[in-house]
Amino acid sequence: MKSKTRKGIKYTDEPMNQAEVIADSLPSPEQLAFKEETVKITIALSKSSLDFFKEKAERHHTQYQKMIRRLVDEYVARQKHLSA
């Protein structure tokens, strides 16, 4: 077994017998480019809920409005699936 170390990473020439093929779960470019129509609304949220989303959005470098929109969209998708 030969091994090389580079910047703290150890590379070996051992066989990789335990590889597992997984299904491709990434969306297609067409799905990524699709932009669903949005409607602007006014909503009253609790301060603690809004603070939560703002803090998480800042941590993940995104907009808190987008996170809330995705949460609602995911909720609707699951409810549609359950009632189908």
N, C-alpha and C. Protein backbone atom coordinates (compact mmCIF):
# COMPACT_ATOMS: atom_id res chain seq x y z
N MET A 1 0.84 -1.17 0.00
CA MET A 1 0.00 0.00 0.00
C MET A 1 0.89 1.24 0.00
N LYS A 2 0.80 2.01 -1.04
CA LYS A 2 1.52 3.27 -1.13
C LYS A 2 0.58 4.38 -0.67
N SER A 3 1.14 5.37 -0.05
CA SER A 3 0.30 6.50 0.34
C SER A 3 1.08 7.79 0.14
N LYS A 4 0.34 8.83 -0.14
CA LYS A 4 0.90 10.16 -0.32
C LYS A 4 0.13 11.10 0.60
N THR A 5 0.83 12.04 1.14
CA THR A 5 0.18 13.04 1.98
C THR A 5 0.39 14.41 1.35
N ARG A 6 -0.70 15.15 1.25
CA ARG A 6 -0.63 16.50 0.70
C ARG A 6 -1.60 17.37 1.49
N LYS A 7 -1.06 18.36 2.12
CA LYS A 7 -1.89 19.31 2.89
C LYS A 7 -2.82 18.59 3.87
N GLY A 8 -2.33 17.58 4.54
CA GLY A 8 -3.13 16.90 5.55
C GLY A 8 -4.07 15.85 5.01
N ILE A 9 -4.11 15.63 3.70
CA ILE A 9 -4.97 14.61 3.11
C ILE A 9 -4.10 13.42 2.75
N LYS A 10 -4.52 12.24 3.17
CA LYS A 10 -3.75 11.03 2.90
C LYS A 10 -4.41 10.27 1.75
N TYR A 11 -3.67 10.10 0.66
CA TYR A 11 -4.15 9.36 -0.51
C TYR A 11 -3.53 7.98 -0.49
N THR A 12 -4.32 6.96 -0.77
CA THR A 12 -3.80 5.60 -0.84
C THR A 12 -4.20 4.98 -2.16
N ASP A 13 -3.52 3.88 -2.53
CA ASP A 13 -3.87 3.18 -3.77
C ASP A 13 -4.62 1.89 -3.47
N GLU A 14 -5.32 1.85 -2.35
CA GLU A 14 -6.10 0.68 -1.98
C GLU A 14 -7.35 0.61 -2.85
N PRO A 15 -7.84 -0.63 -3.12
CA PRO A 15 -9.08 -0.76 -3.90
C PRO A 15 -10.27 -0.21 -3.11
N MET A 16 -11.22 0.32 -3.83
CA MET A 16 -12.42 0.87 -3.20
C MET A 16 -13.57 -0.08 -3.47
N ASN A 17 -13.66 -1.14 -2.69
CA ASN A 17 -14.64 -2.20 -2.91
C ASN A 17 -16.02 -1.87 -2.36
N GLN A 18 -16.12 -0.91 -1.51
CA GLN A 18 -17.39 -0.65 -0.85
C GLN A 18 -18.13 0.55 -1.46
N ALA A 19 -17.90 0.81 -2.72
CA ALA A 19 -18.60 1.92 -3.37
C ALA A 19 -20.05 1.54 -3.60
N GLU A 20 -20.93 2.50 -3.49
CA GLU A 20 -22.35 2.27 -3.68
C GLU A 20 -22.88 3.31 -4.67
N VAL A 21 -23.56 2.85 -5.70
CA VAL A 21 -24.15 3.74 -6.69
C VAL A 21 -25.46 4.26 -6.12
N ILE A 22 -25.65 5.57 -6.17
CA ILE A 22 -26.89 6.16 -5.68
C ILE A 22 -27.59 6.88 -6.82
N ALA A 23 -28.89 7.01 -6.69
CA ALA A 23 -29.68 7.68 -7.72
C ALA A 23 -29.33 9.16 -7.77
N ASP A 24 -29.36 9.73 -8.97
CA ASP A 24 -29.11 11.16 -9.14
C ASP A 24 -30.33 11.92 -8.63
N SER A 25 -30.16 12.68 -7.57
CA SER A 25 -31.30 13.40 -7.00
C SER A 25 -31.21 14.91 -7.23
N LEU A 26 -30.26 15.32 -8.04
CA LEU A 26 -30.13 16.75 -8.32
C LEU A 26 -31.16 17.18 -9.36
N PRO A 27 -31.70 18.37 -9.23
CA PRO A 27 -32.65 18.85 -10.23
C PRO A 27 -31.96 19.14 -11.56
N SER A 28 -32.72 19.00 -12.63
CA SER A 28 -32.18 19.27 -13.96
C SER A 28 -31.98 20.78 -14.13
N PRO A 29 -31.17 21.19 -15.13
CA PRO A 29 -31.00 22.62 -15.38
C PRO A 29 -32.33 23.33 -15.67
N GLU A 30 -33.25 22.61 -16.34
CA GLU A 30 -34.56 23.20 -16.63
C GLU A 30 -35.32 23.49 -15.34
N GLN A 31 -35.23 22.56 -14.38
CA GLN A 31 -35.91 22.78 -13.11
C GLN A 31 -35.28 23.93 -12.33
N LEU A 32 -33.97 24.05 -12.43
CA LEU A 32 -33.29 25.14 -11.73
C LEU A 32 -33.62 26.49 -12.34
N ALA A 33 -33.80 26.53 -13.66
CA ALA A 33 -34.07 27.79 -14.35
C ALA A 33 -35.52 28.22 -14.21
N PHE A 34 -36.41 27.26 -13.89
CA PHE A 34 -37.83 27.55 -13.77
C PHE A 34 -38.07 28.53 -12.62
N LYS A 35 -38.76 29.59 -12.90
CA LYS A 35 -39.07 30.56 -11.86
C LYS A 35 -40.58 30.65 -11.74
N GLU A 36 -41.07 30.20 -10.61
CA GLU A 36 -42.50 30.21 -10.37
C GLU A 36 -42.99 31.63 -10.09
N GLU A 37 -44.19 31.91 -10.53
CA GLU A 37 -44.78 33.23 -10.28
C GLU A 37 -44.98 33.42 -8.78
N THR A 38 -44.65 34.57 -8.29
CA THR A 38 -44.85 34.88 -6.88
C THR A 38 -45.84 36.02 -6.73
N VAL A 39 -46.46 36.08 -5.58
CA VAL A 39 -47.41 37.14 -5.26
C VAL A 39 -46.96 37.76 -3.94
N LYS A 40 -46.86 39.07 -3.92
CA LYS A 40 -46.45 39.76 -2.69
C LYS A 40 -47.64 39.85 -1.74
N ILE A 41 -47.38 39.54 -0.47
CA ILE A 41 -48.41 39.63 0.56
C ILE A 41 -47.84 40.33 1.78
N THR A 42 -48.73 40.71 2.67
CA THR A 42 -48.32 41.23 3.98
C THR A 42 -48.74 40.19 5.00
N ILE A 43 -47.82 39.83 5.88
CA ILE A 43 -48.10 38.80 6.88
C ILE A 43 -47.54 39.25 8.22
N ALA A 44 -48.27 38.96 9.28
CA ALA A 44 -47.80 39.28 10.63
C ALA A 44 -47.25 38.00 11.25
N LEU A 45 -45.98 38.03 11.63
CA LEU A 45 -45.33 36.90 12.29
C LEU A 45 -44.94 37.30 13.70
N SER A 46 -44.77 36.31 14.55
CA SER A 46 -44.28 36.63 15.89
C SER A 46 -42.84 37.11 15.77
N LYS A 47 -42.44 37.95 16.68
CA LYS A 47 -41.07 38.48 16.67
C LYS A 47 -40.07 37.34 16.76
N SER A 48 -40.35 36.35 17.60
CA SER A 48 -39.40 35.24 17.76
C SER A 48 -39.25 34.44 16.46
N SER A 49 -40.35 34.24 15.73
CA SER A 49 -40.26 33.52 14.45
C SER A 49 -39.45 34.31 13.44
N LEU A 50 -39.73 35.60 13.34
CA LEU A 50 -39.00 36.43 12.40
C LEU A 50 -37.52 36.50 12.76
N ASP A 51 -37.22 36.65 14.03
CA ASP A 51 -35.81 36.67 14.47
C ASP A 51 -35.11 35.37 14.12
N PHE A 52 -35.81 34.25 14.28
CA PHE A 52 -35.24 32.95 13.94
C PHE A 52 -34.86 32.90 12.46
N PHE A 53 -35.78 33.28 11.58
CA PHE A 53 -35.50 33.23 10.15
C PHE A 53 -34.41 34.21 9.75
N LYS A 54 -34.41 35.39 10.33
CA LYS A 54 -33.37 36.37 10.01
C LYS A 54 -31.99 35.86 10.42
N GLU A 55 -31.90 35.25 11.59
CA GLU A 55 -30.62 34.73 12.07
C GLU A 55 -30.13 33.59 11.18
N LYS A 56 -31.03 32.65 10.84
CA LYS A 56 -30.65 31.52 9.98
C LYS A 56 -30.29 32.01 8.58
N ALA A 57 -31.02 32.97 8.06
CA ALA A 57 -30.74 33.49 6.73
C ALA A 57 -29.37 34.15 6.69
N GLU A 58 -29.06 34.93 7.71
CA GLU A 58 -27.75 35.58 7.75
C GLU A 58 -26.64 34.53 7.81
N ARG A 59 -26.84 33.51 8.60
CA ARG A 59 -25.84 32.45 8.74
C ARG A 59 -25.61 31.71 7.42
N HIS A 60 -26.68 31.57 6.62
CA HIS A 60 -26.58 30.84 5.35
C HIS A 60 -26.51 31.75 4.13
N HIS A 61 -26.31 33.03 4.37
CA HIS A 61 -26.12 34.02 3.29
C HIS A 61 -27.27 33.99 2.28
N THR A 62 -28.47 34.08 2.78
CA THR A 62 -29.64 34.13 1.92
C THR A 62 -30.64 35.11 2.52
N GLN A 63 -31.79 35.24 1.90
CA GLN A 63 -32.82 36.16 2.37
C GLN A 63 -33.82 35.41 3.24
N TYR A 64 -34.23 36.03 4.34
CA TYR A 64 -35.18 35.35 5.22
C TYR A 64 -36.54 35.17 4.54
N GLN A 65 -36.90 36.10 3.65
CA GLN A 65 -38.17 35.97 2.93
C GLN A 65 -38.16 34.72 2.06
N LYS A 66 -37.02 34.45 1.43
CA LYS A 66 -36.89 33.27 0.57
C LYS A 66 -37.02 31.99 1.40
N MET A 67 -36.46 32.00 2.60
CA MET A 67 -36.56 30.82 3.47
C MET A 67 -38.01 30.58 3.88
N ILE A 68 -38.72 31.63 4.23
CA ILE A 68 -40.12 31.49 4.62
C ILE A 68 -40.94 31.00 3.43
N ARG A 69 -40.69 31.57 2.24
CA ARG A 69 -41.41 31.15 1.04
C ARG A 69 -41.18 29.67 0.76
N ARG A 70 -39.94 29.22 0.86
CA ARG A 70 -39.63 27.81 0.60
C ARG A 70 -40.28 26.90 1.64
N LEU A 71 -40.33 27.37 2.89
CA LEU A 71 -40.98 26.59 3.93
C LEU A 71 -42.47 26.41 3.61
N VAL A 72 -43.12 27.49 3.25
CA VAL A 72 -44.55 27.41 2.91
C VAL A 72 -44.75 26.54 1.67
N ASP A 73 -43.90 26.70 0.65
CA ASP A 73 -44.01 25.87 -0.56
C ASP A 73 -43.85 24.39 -0.24
N GLU A 74 -42.89 24.06 0.62
CA GLU A 74 -42.67 22.66 1.00
C GLU A 74 -43.86 22.11 1.78
N TYR A 75 -44.41 22.92 2.66
CA TYR A 75 -45.59 22.51 3.41
C TYR A 75 -46.75 22.20 2.46
N VAL A 76 -46.99 23.08 1.50
CA VAL A 76 -48.07 22.88 0.54
C VAL A 76 -47.83 21.62 -0.29
N ALA A 77 -46.60 21.41 -0.75
CA ALA A 77 -46.29 20.22 -1.55
C ALA A 77 -46.56 18.94 -0.76
N ARG A 78 -46.19 18.92 0.50
CA ARG A 78 -46.42 17.72 1.33
C ARG A 78 -47.91 17.51 1.58
N GLN A 79 -48.64 18.59 1.82
CA GLN A 79 -50.07 18.46 2.05
C GLN A 79 -50.79 17.97 0.79
N LYS A 80 -50.36 18.45 -0.37
CA LYS A 80 -50.95 17.98 -1.63
C LYS A 80 -50.67 16.50 -1.82
N HIS A 81 -49.46 16.07 -1.49
CA HIS A 81 -49.08 14.66 -1.62
C HIS A 81 -49.91 13.80 -0.68
N LEU A 82 -50.14 14.26 0.54
CA LEU A 82 -50.91 13.49 1.52
C LEU A 82 -52.38 13.38 1.13
N SER A 83 -52.92 14.41 0.50
CA SER A 83 -54.34 14.40 0.15
C SER A 83 -54.60 13.79 -1.22
N ALA A 84 -53.56 13.39 -1.93
CA ALA A 84 -53.74 12.81 -3.27
C ALA A 84 -54.15 11.35 -3.19
